[in-house]
Amino acid sequence: MSITIQLNMAAKLLIIFVLAAFVSQGICVTEITLDDETTTFITNPLIAKTITIPKLFLDVLEACYVVMPNGIMYEFYPNNNIVEDPIFVLQAVAPFNSCGLGFRNAPVSFSGTYELFSLVKHTADGSQSLTRKKFHITFIESEVVFPNNEVVQTA
């Protein structure tokens, strides 16, 4: 009788284990760390410097975050909470959107390490991945003076 009870208990535990494994299939998040990128960029009002974490267009972008050089984290997808002026969110039509920021005419004080986090749901298997990448950016001032909107008259 004790062998029958043990086999019955083992069968119940196996069923519970299989159900737990089935239920938790889409809950696991894989963390991916990409190599750091170091860039020196001449700040310019016409050309922007961009930082991105690409994704496959079939996958669904769920959230994007950035850690600024001062250590403050901002969410910028799906809600844009970035308040800094020269920083803007790179936008595209779904499903071609990705986690990306741009810097237009950023002052030298914006130099530092920016870390992007991208949370993506993969359509192939329903899993999620959190991808992170650090960008070490140094902005330098340009020696070029850009003309303003005033009309220059020659004599």
N, C-alpha and C. Protein backbone atom coordinates (compact mmCIF):
# COMPACT_ATOMS: atom_id res chain seq x y z
N MET A 1 0.81 -1.18 0.00
CA MET A 1 0.00 0.00 0.00
C MET A 1 0.86 1.26 0.00
N SER A 2 2.00 1.25 0.67
CA SER A 2 2.83 2.45 0.72
C SER A 2 3.45 2.76 -0.63
N ILE A 3 3.71 1.74 -1.45
CA ILE A 3 4.24 1.99 -2.80
C ILE A 3 3.17 2.65 -3.66
N THR A 4 1.95 2.27 -3.52
CA THR A 4 0.85 2.88 -4.27
C THR A 4 0.68 4.35 -3.88
N ILE A 5 0.81 4.64 -2.60
CA ILE A 5 0.69 6.03 -2.14
C ILE A 5 1.85 6.86 -2.67
N GLN A 6 3.05 6.29 -2.66
CA GLN A 6 4.22 7.01 -3.15
C GLN A 6 4.11 7.27 -4.65
N LEU A 7 3.65 6.30 -5.42
CA LEU A 7 3.47 6.49 -6.86
C LEU A 7 2.38 7.52 -7.14
N ASN A 8 1.31 7.48 -6.38
CA ASN A 8 0.23 8.44 -6.54
C ASN A 8 0.74 9.86 -6.23
N MET A 9 1.54 9.99 -5.16
CA MET A 9 2.10 11.29 -4.77
C MET A 9 3.09 11.78 -5.84
N ALA A 10 3.89 10.88 -6.39
CA ALA A 10 4.85 11.25 -7.43
C ALA A 10 4.12 11.71 -8.69
N ALA A 11 3.02 11.07 -9.04
CA ALA A 11 2.24 11.47 -10.21
C ALA A 11 1.64 12.86 -9.99
N LYS A 12 1.14 13.13 -8.79
CA LYS A 12 0.58 14.45 -8.50
C LYS A 12 1.66 15.53 -8.56
N LEU A 13 2.84 15.24 -8.01
CA LEU A 13 3.94 16.21 -8.06
C LEU A 13 4.39 16.45 -9.49
N LEU A 14 4.41 15.41 -10.31
CA LEU A 14 4.78 15.57 -11.72
C LEU A 14 3.76 16.45 -12.44
N ILE A 15 2.48 16.26 -12.18
CA ILE A 15 1.44 17.09 -12.79
C ILE A 15 1.60 18.54 -12.37
N ILE A 16 1.85 18.78 -11.08
CA ILE A 16 2.04 20.15 -10.59
C ILE A 16 3.27 20.77 -11.25
N PHE A 17 4.35 20.03 -11.38
CA PHE A 17 5.56 20.53 -12.00
C PHE A 17 5.33 20.89 -13.47
N VAL A 18 4.63 20.03 -14.20
CA VAL A 18 4.34 20.29 -15.62
C VAL A 18 3.44 21.51 -15.76
N LEU A 19 2.43 21.65 -14.91
CA LEU A 19 1.56 22.83 -14.96
C LEU A 19 2.33 24.11 -14.63
N ALA A 20 3.20 24.05 -13.64
CA ALA A 20 3.99 25.23 -13.28
C ALA A 20 4.92 25.63 -14.42
N ALA A 21 5.52 24.64 -15.07
CA ALA A 21 6.40 24.94 -16.21
C ALA A 21 5.60 25.52 -17.36
N PHE A 22 4.40 25.02 -17.60
CA PHE A 22 3.55 25.53 -18.69
C PHE A 22 3.12 26.97 -18.42
N VAL A 23 2.71 27.26 -17.20
CA VAL A 23 2.22 28.58 -16.85
C VAL A 23 3.33 29.63 -16.92
N SER A 24 4.55 29.26 -16.55
CA SER A 24 5.64 30.24 -16.47
C SER A 24 6.40 30.42 -17.77
N GLN A 25 5.93 29.88 -18.88
CA GLN A 25 6.66 29.97 -20.15
C GLN A 25 6.87 31.40 -20.61
N GLY A 26 5.88 32.26 -20.52
CA GLY A 26 6.00 33.62 -21.01
C GLY A 26 6.46 34.62 -19.96
N ILE A 27 6.73 34.18 -18.75
CA ILE A 27 7.06 35.10 -17.67
C ILE A 27 8.56 35.38 -17.61
N CYS A 28 9.36 34.49 -18.05
CA CYS A 28 10.82 34.62 -17.95
C CYS A 28 11.32 35.75 -18.85
N VAL A 29 12.19 36.59 -18.31
CA VAL A 29 12.79 37.69 -19.08
C VAL A 29 14.28 37.41 -19.20
N THR A 30 14.77 37.36 -20.42
CA THR A 30 16.19 37.16 -20.67
C THR A 30 16.88 38.51 -20.73
N GLU A 31 17.97 38.67 -19.98
CA GLU A 31 18.71 39.92 -19.99
C GLU A 31 19.89 39.81 -20.94
N ILE A 32 20.01 40.79 -21.83
CA ILE A 32 21.08 40.84 -22.82
C ILE A 32 21.86 42.12 -22.62
N THR A 33 23.17 42.02 -22.48
CA THR A 33 24.02 43.20 -22.34
C THR A 33 24.89 43.32 -23.59
N LEU A 34 24.71 44.40 -24.33
CA LEU A 34 25.50 44.65 -25.53
C LEU A 34 26.79 45.38 -25.17
N ASP A 35 27.77 45.33 -26.06
CA ASP A 35 29.04 46.01 -25.83
C ASP A 35 28.84 47.51 -25.73
N ASP A 36 29.69 48.15 -24.91
CA ASP A 36 29.65 49.60 -24.77
C ASP A 36 30.10 50.27 -26.06
N GLU A 37 29.59 51.47 -26.29
CA GLU A 37 29.97 52.24 -27.48
C GLU A 37 30.50 53.60 -27.02
N THR A 38 31.67 53.97 -27.53
CA THR A 38 32.28 55.25 -27.18
C THR A 38 32.32 56.13 -28.42
N THR A 39 31.81 57.38 -28.30
CA THR A 39 31.69 58.27 -29.44
C THR A 39 32.06 59.69 -29.03
N THR A 40 32.77 60.37 -29.93
CA THR A 40 32.98 61.82 -29.81
C THR A 40 32.22 62.45 -30.96
N PHE A 41 31.41 63.47 -30.64
CA PHE A 41 30.54 64.05 -31.65
C PHE A 41 30.63 65.57 -31.59
N ILE A 42 30.76 66.19 -32.74
CA ILE A 42 30.76 67.65 -32.82
C ILE A 42 29.31 68.11 -32.79
N THR A 43 28.96 68.86 -31.76
CA THR A 43 27.57 69.30 -31.61
C THR A 43 27.19 70.25 -32.74
N ASN A 44 25.96 70.11 -33.22
CA ASN A 44 25.55 70.80 -34.43
C ASN A 44 24.04 71.01 -34.39
N PRO A 45 23.53 72.19 -34.78
CA PRO A 45 22.08 72.39 -34.78
C PRO A 45 21.36 71.71 -35.94
N LEU A 46 22.11 71.24 -36.94
CA LEU A 46 21.48 70.65 -38.12
C LEU A 46 21.58 69.13 -38.14
N ILE A 47 22.61 68.57 -37.54
CA ILE A 47 22.83 67.12 -37.58
C ILE A 47 22.76 66.59 -36.16
N ALA A 48 21.99 65.53 -35.95
CA ALA A 48 21.80 64.97 -34.62
C ALA A 48 22.63 63.71 -34.43
N LYS A 49 23.05 63.47 -33.22
CA LYS A 49 23.70 62.22 -32.83
C LYS A 49 22.61 61.32 -32.26
N THR A 50 22.56 60.07 -32.70
CA THR A 50 21.52 59.16 -32.23
C THR A 50 22.15 57.96 -31.53
N ILE A 51 21.43 57.44 -30.55
CA ILE A 51 21.80 56.19 -29.88
C ILE A 51 20.57 55.30 -29.89
N THR A 52 20.76 54.04 -30.27
CA THR A 52 19.62 53.13 -30.40
C THR A 52 19.99 51.71 -29.99
N ILE A 53 18.96 50.95 -29.66
CA ILE A 53 19.06 49.50 -29.52
C ILE A 53 18.09 48.93 -30.56
N PRO A 54 18.59 48.32 -31.61
CA PRO A 54 17.69 47.81 -32.66
C PRO A 54 16.93 46.57 -32.21
N LYS A 55 15.84 46.30 -32.90
CA LYS A 55 15.05 45.09 -32.67
C LYS A 55 14.52 44.59 -34.01
N LEU A 56 14.15 43.34 -34.04
CA LEU A 56 13.53 42.77 -35.23
C LEU A 56 12.14 43.39 -35.41
N PHE A 57 11.78 43.75 -36.63
CA PHE A 57 10.51 44.45 -36.85
C PHE A 57 9.29 43.61 -36.50
N LEU A 58 9.43 42.30 -36.42
CA LEU A 58 8.30 41.44 -36.05
C LEU A 58 8.05 41.45 -34.54
N ASP A 59 9.08 41.79 -33.75
CA ASP A 59 8.94 41.81 -32.29
C ASP A 59 8.25 43.09 -31.84
N VAL A 60 7.69 43.06 -30.64
CA VAL A 60 6.91 44.19 -30.11
C VAL A 60 7.72 44.91 -29.03
N LEU A 61 7.93 46.20 -29.25
CA LEU A 61 8.62 47.02 -28.25
C LEU A 61 7.64 47.35 -27.14
N GLU A 62 7.99 46.97 -25.90
CA GLU A 62 7.09 47.19 -24.77
C GLU A 62 7.48 48.39 -23.93
N ALA A 63 8.79 48.63 -23.75
CA ALA A 63 9.22 49.76 -22.92
C ALA A 63 10.66 50.12 -23.24
N CYS A 64 10.98 51.40 -23.08
CA CYS A 64 12.34 51.90 -23.23
C CYS A 64 12.65 52.85 -22.08
N TYR A 65 13.86 52.72 -21.56
CA TYR A 65 14.32 53.57 -20.47
C TYR A 65 15.73 54.04 -20.78
N VAL A 66 16.08 55.20 -20.21
CA VAL A 66 17.44 55.71 -20.34
C VAL A 66 17.91 56.15 -18.95
N VAL A 67 19.15 55.83 -18.65
CA VAL A 67 19.79 56.34 -17.44
C VAL A 67 20.73 57.44 -17.90
N MET A 68 20.49 58.65 -17.40
CA MET A 68 21.28 59.83 -17.78
C MET A 68 22.62 59.82 -17.04
N PRO A 69 23.57 60.66 -17.47
CA PRO A 69 24.86 60.71 -16.77
C PRO A 69 24.75 61.07 -15.29
N ASN A 70 23.69 61.78 -14.89
CA ASN A 70 23.54 62.13 -13.48
C ASN A 70 22.89 61.01 -12.66
N GLY A 71 22.57 59.87 -13.30
CA GLY A 71 22.03 58.71 -12.61
C GLY A 71 20.51 58.62 -12.57
N ILE A 72 19.82 59.61 -13.10
CA ILE A 72 18.35 59.60 -13.11
C ILE A 72 17.85 58.78 -14.30
N MET A 73 16.87 57.91 -14.03
CA MET A 73 16.30 57.06 -15.09
C MET A 73 14.97 57.66 -15.56
N TYR A 74 14.80 57.70 -16.88
CA TYR A 74 13.57 58.20 -17.49
C TYR A 74 12.99 57.11 -18.39
N GLU A 75 11.66 57.01 -18.39
CA GLU A 75 10.97 56.18 -19.36
C GLU A 75 10.66 57.06 -20.56
N PHE A 76 10.93 56.55 -21.78
CA PHE A 76 10.57 57.34 -22.95
C PHE A 76 9.76 56.56 -23.97
N TYR A 77 9.41 55.33 -23.67
CA TYR A 77 8.44 54.58 -24.46
C TYR A 77 7.74 53.62 -23.54
N PRO A 78 6.47 53.51 -23.50
CA PRO A 78 5.46 54.18 -24.30
C PRO A 78 5.15 55.60 -23.86
N ASN A 79 5.56 56.01 -22.66
CA ASN A 79 5.33 57.38 -22.19
C ASN A 79 6.63 58.15 -22.24
N ASN A 80 6.62 59.29 -22.91
CA ASN A 80 7.83 60.10 -23.02
C ASN A 80 7.93 61.01 -21.80
N ASN A 81 8.84 60.69 -20.88
CA ASN A 81 9.02 61.47 -19.67
C ASN A 81 10.33 62.25 -19.67
N ILE A 82 10.99 62.35 -20.81
CA ILE A 82 12.25 63.08 -20.89
C ILE A 82 11.95 64.57 -20.97
N VAL A 83 12.58 65.34 -20.09
CA VAL A 83 12.33 66.77 -20.04
C VAL A 83 13.51 67.58 -20.55
N GLU A 84 14.61 66.94 -20.89
CA GLU A 84 15.79 67.65 -21.36
C GLU A 84 15.53 68.20 -22.76
N ASP A 85 15.99 69.43 -23.02
CA ASP A 85 15.67 70.11 -24.28
C ASP A 85 16.38 69.55 -25.50
N PRO A 86 17.70 69.36 -25.53
CA PRO A 86 18.30 68.91 -26.79
C PRO A 86 18.11 67.42 -27.07
N ILE A 87 17.47 66.69 -26.16
CA ILE A 87 17.26 65.25 -26.34
C ILE A 87 15.84 65.03 -26.86
N PHE A 88 15.74 64.21 -27.90
CA PHE A 88 14.41 63.88 -28.43
C PHE A 88 14.32 62.39 -28.71
N VAL A 89 13.10 61.88 -28.72
CA VAL A 89 12.86 60.45 -28.94
C VAL A 89 12.75 60.19 -30.42
N LEU A 90 13.46 59.16 -30.90
CA LEU A 90 13.35 58.76 -32.30
C LEU A 90 12.04 58.00 -32.46
N GLN A 91 11.22 58.44 -33.40
CA GLN A 91 9.91 57.84 -33.56
C GLN A 91 9.78 57.20 -34.93
N ALA A 92 9.01 56.13 -34.98
CA ALA A 92 8.72 55.45 -36.24
C ALA A 92 7.35 54.80 -36.10
N VAL A 93 6.81 54.39 -37.21
CA VAL A 93 5.51 53.72 -37.22
C VAL A 93 5.72 52.26 -36.82
N ALA A 94 4.86 51.77 -35.91
CA ALA A 94 4.94 50.36 -35.53
C ALA A 94 4.69 49.51 -36.76
N PRO A 95 5.35 48.44 -36.98
CA PRO A 95 6.27 47.71 -36.11
C PRO A 95 7.74 48.10 -36.30
N PHE A 96 8.01 49.20 -36.95
CA PHE A 96 9.39 49.57 -37.25
C PHE A 96 10.02 50.45 -36.17
N ASN A 97 9.34 50.63 -35.04
CA ASN A 97 9.91 51.44 -33.97
C ASN A 97 10.99 50.66 -33.22
N SER A 98 11.92 51.39 -32.65
CA SER A 98 12.96 50.78 -31.83
C SER A 98 13.28 51.75 -30.70
N CYS A 99 14.10 51.32 -29.81
CA CYS A 99 14.47 52.12 -28.64
C CYS A 99 15.60 53.05 -29.04
N GLY A 100 15.31 54.35 -29.19
CA GLY A 100 16.34 55.27 -29.65
C GLY A 100 16.12 56.71 -29.21
N LEU A 101 17.23 57.41 -28.97
CA LEU A 101 17.22 58.83 -28.62
C LEU A 101 18.13 59.59 -29.56
N GLY A 102 17.83 60.89 -29.71
CA GLY A 102 18.67 61.76 -30.53
C GLY A 102 19.09 62.98 -29.73
N PHE A 103 20.25 63.53 -30.08
CA PHE A 103 20.78 64.73 -29.44
C PHE A 103 21.03 65.76 -30.54
N ARG A 104 20.29 66.86 -30.51
CA ARG A 104 20.50 67.91 -31.50
C ARG A 104 21.00 69.16 -30.80
N ASN A 105 22.16 69.64 -31.24
CA ASN A 105 22.78 70.85 -30.70
C ASN A 105 22.96 70.75 -29.18
N ALA A 106 23.41 69.59 -28.73
CA ALA A 106 23.61 69.37 -27.29
C ALA A 106 24.86 70.10 -26.81
N PRO A 107 24.79 70.78 -25.68
CA PRO A 107 25.97 71.45 -25.14
C PRO A 107 26.99 70.43 -24.61
N VAL A 108 28.19 70.89 -24.39
CA VAL A 108 29.27 70.03 -23.90
C VAL A 108 28.90 69.42 -22.54
N SER A 109 28.08 70.11 -21.77
CA SER A 109 27.69 69.61 -20.45
C SER A 109 26.85 68.33 -20.52
N PHE A 110 26.36 67.97 -21.70
CA PHE A 110 25.59 66.73 -21.86
C PHE A 110 26.49 65.53 -22.13
N SER A 111 27.79 65.71 -22.12
CA SER A 111 28.72 64.60 -22.29
C SER A 111 28.61 63.67 -21.08
N GLY A 112 28.77 62.39 -21.32
CA GLY A 112 28.71 61.43 -20.22
C GLY A 112 28.26 60.07 -20.72
N THR A 113 27.92 59.21 -19.78
CA THR A 113 27.50 57.84 -20.10
C THR A 113 25.98 57.74 -20.01
N TYR A 114 25.38 57.35 -21.13
CA TYR A 114 23.94 57.12 -21.22
C TYR A 114 23.75 55.61 -21.36
N GLU A 115 22.79 55.05 -20.61
CA GLU A 115 22.51 53.62 -20.71
C GLU A 115 21.06 53.43 -21.13
N LEU A 116 20.87 52.72 -22.24
CA LEU A 116 19.52 52.43 -22.75
C LEU A 116 19.09 51.04 -22.30
N PHE A 117 17.80 50.90 -21.97
CA PHE A 117 17.18 49.62 -21.66
C PHE A 117 16.00 49.45 -22.59
N SER A 118 15.91 48.31 -23.25
CA SER A 118 14.84 48.02 -24.19
C SER A 118 14.17 46.71 -23.81
N LEU A 119 12.87 46.77 -23.51
CA LEU A 119 12.10 45.57 -23.19
C LEU A 119 11.28 45.18 -24.41
N VAL A 120 11.52 43.99 -24.94
CA VAL A 120 10.91 43.54 -26.19
C VAL A 120 10.23 42.20 -25.97
N LYS A 121 9.02 42.05 -26.55
CA LYS A 121 8.34 40.76 -26.55
C LYS A 121 8.52 40.14 -27.92
N HIS A 122 9.05 38.93 -27.95
CA HIS A 122 9.35 38.24 -29.20
C HIS A 122 8.12 37.49 -29.70
N THR A 123 7.77 37.72 -30.96
CA THR A 123 6.57 37.09 -31.52
C THR A 123 6.78 35.61 -31.82
N ALA A 124 8.01 35.18 -31.98
CA ALA A 124 8.27 33.79 -32.33
C ALA A 124 7.88 32.83 -31.21
N ASP A 125 8.20 33.18 -29.96
CA ASP A 125 7.94 32.26 -28.86
C ASP A 125 7.23 32.91 -27.67
N GLY A 126 6.91 34.20 -27.76
CA GLY A 126 6.23 34.88 -26.67
C GLY A 126 7.12 35.26 -25.51
N SER A 127 8.41 35.03 -25.62
CA SER A 127 9.32 35.38 -24.53
C SER A 127 9.64 36.87 -24.56
N GLN A 128 10.25 37.35 -23.49
CA GLN A 128 10.65 38.75 -23.39
C GLN A 128 12.16 38.83 -23.18
N SER A 129 12.74 39.93 -23.66
CA SER A 129 14.16 40.17 -23.41
C SER A 129 14.36 41.63 -23.02
N LEU A 130 15.25 41.84 -22.07
CA LEU A 130 15.63 43.17 -21.63
C LEU A 130 17.07 43.39 -22.12
N THR A 131 17.22 44.27 -23.10
CA THR A 131 18.53 44.55 -23.68
C THR A 131 19.04 45.86 -23.12
N ARG A 132 20.32 45.89 -22.74
CA ARG A 132 20.91 47.11 -22.21
C ARG A 132 22.21 47.40 -22.93
N LYS A 133 22.47 48.69 -23.11
CA LYS A 133 23.69 49.12 -23.79
C LYS A 133 24.11 50.47 -23.25
N LYS A 134 25.42 50.62 -22.99
CA LYS A 134 25.95 51.90 -22.51
C LYS A 134 26.61 52.65 -23.66
N PHE A 135 26.35 53.95 -23.70
CA PHE A 135 26.93 54.83 -24.70
C PHE A 135 27.75 55.90 -23.97
N HIS A 136 29.05 55.93 -24.21
CA HIS A 136 29.93 56.94 -23.63
C HIS A 136 30.08 58.04 -24.69
N ILE A 137 29.41 59.17 -24.48
CA ILE A 137 29.35 60.22 -25.50
C ILE A 137 30.10 61.45 -25.00
N THR A 138 30.96 62.00 -25.87
CA THR A 138 31.65 63.25 -25.59
C THR A 138 31.24 64.24 -26.68
N PHE A 139 30.59 65.32 -26.27
CA PHE A 139 30.21 66.38 -27.20
C PHE A 139 31.29 67.46 -27.17
N ILE A 140 31.66 67.94 -28.36
CA ILE A 140 32.62 69.04 -28.45
C ILE A 140 31.99 70.15 -29.28
N GLU A 141 32.40 71.37 -28.99
CA GLU A 141 31.88 72.53 -29.71
C GLU A 141 32.50 72.62 -31.10
N SER A 142 31.73 73.09 -32.05
CA SER A 142 32.21 73.27 -33.41
C SER A 142 32.83 74.65 -33.56
N GLU A 143 33.87 74.74 -34.39
CA GLU A 143 34.49 76.03 -34.69
C GLU A 143 33.70 76.79 -35.76
N VAL A 144 32.79 76.10 -36.43
CA VAL A 144 32.03 76.69 -37.52
C VAL A 144 30.89 77.54 -36.93
N VAL A 145 30.72 78.74 -37.47
CA VAL A 145 29.63 79.60 -37.06
C VAL A 145 28.53 79.48 -38.10
N PHE A 146 27.34 79.11 -37.65
CA PHE A 146 26.24 78.93 -38.58
C PHE A 146 25.53 80.26 -38.78
N PRO A 147 25.16 80.57 -40.02
CA PRO A 147 24.48 81.85 -40.27
C PRO A 147 23.10 81.86 -39.65
N ASN A 148 22.66 83.05 -39.26
CA ASN A 148 21.31 83.17 -38.73
C ASN A 148 20.37 83.60 -39.86
N ASN A 149 19.18 83.96 -39.54
CA ASN A 149 18.16 84.26 -40.55
C ASN A 149 18.25 85.72 -41.06
N GLU A 150 19.18 86.49 -40.55
CA GLU A 150 19.30 87.88 -41.00
C GLU A 150 19.87 87.94 -42.41
N VAL A 151 19.39 88.89 -43.19
CA VAL A 151 19.87 89.06 -44.55
C VAL A 151 21.11 89.95 -44.52
N VAL A 152 22.15 89.47 -45.14
CA VAL A 152 23.40 90.23 -45.18
C VAL A 152 23.40 91.06 -46.46
N GLN A 153 23.56 92.36 -46.31
CA GLN A 153 23.58 93.23 -47.49
C GLN A 153 25.03 93.64 -47.80
N THR A 154 25.36 93.60 -49.04
CA THR A 154 26.69 94.01 -49.47
C THR A 154 26.60 95.37 -50.14
N ALA A 155 27.64 96.16 -49.97
CA ALA A 155 27.61 97.50 -50.54
C ALA A 155 28.36 97.56 -51.84
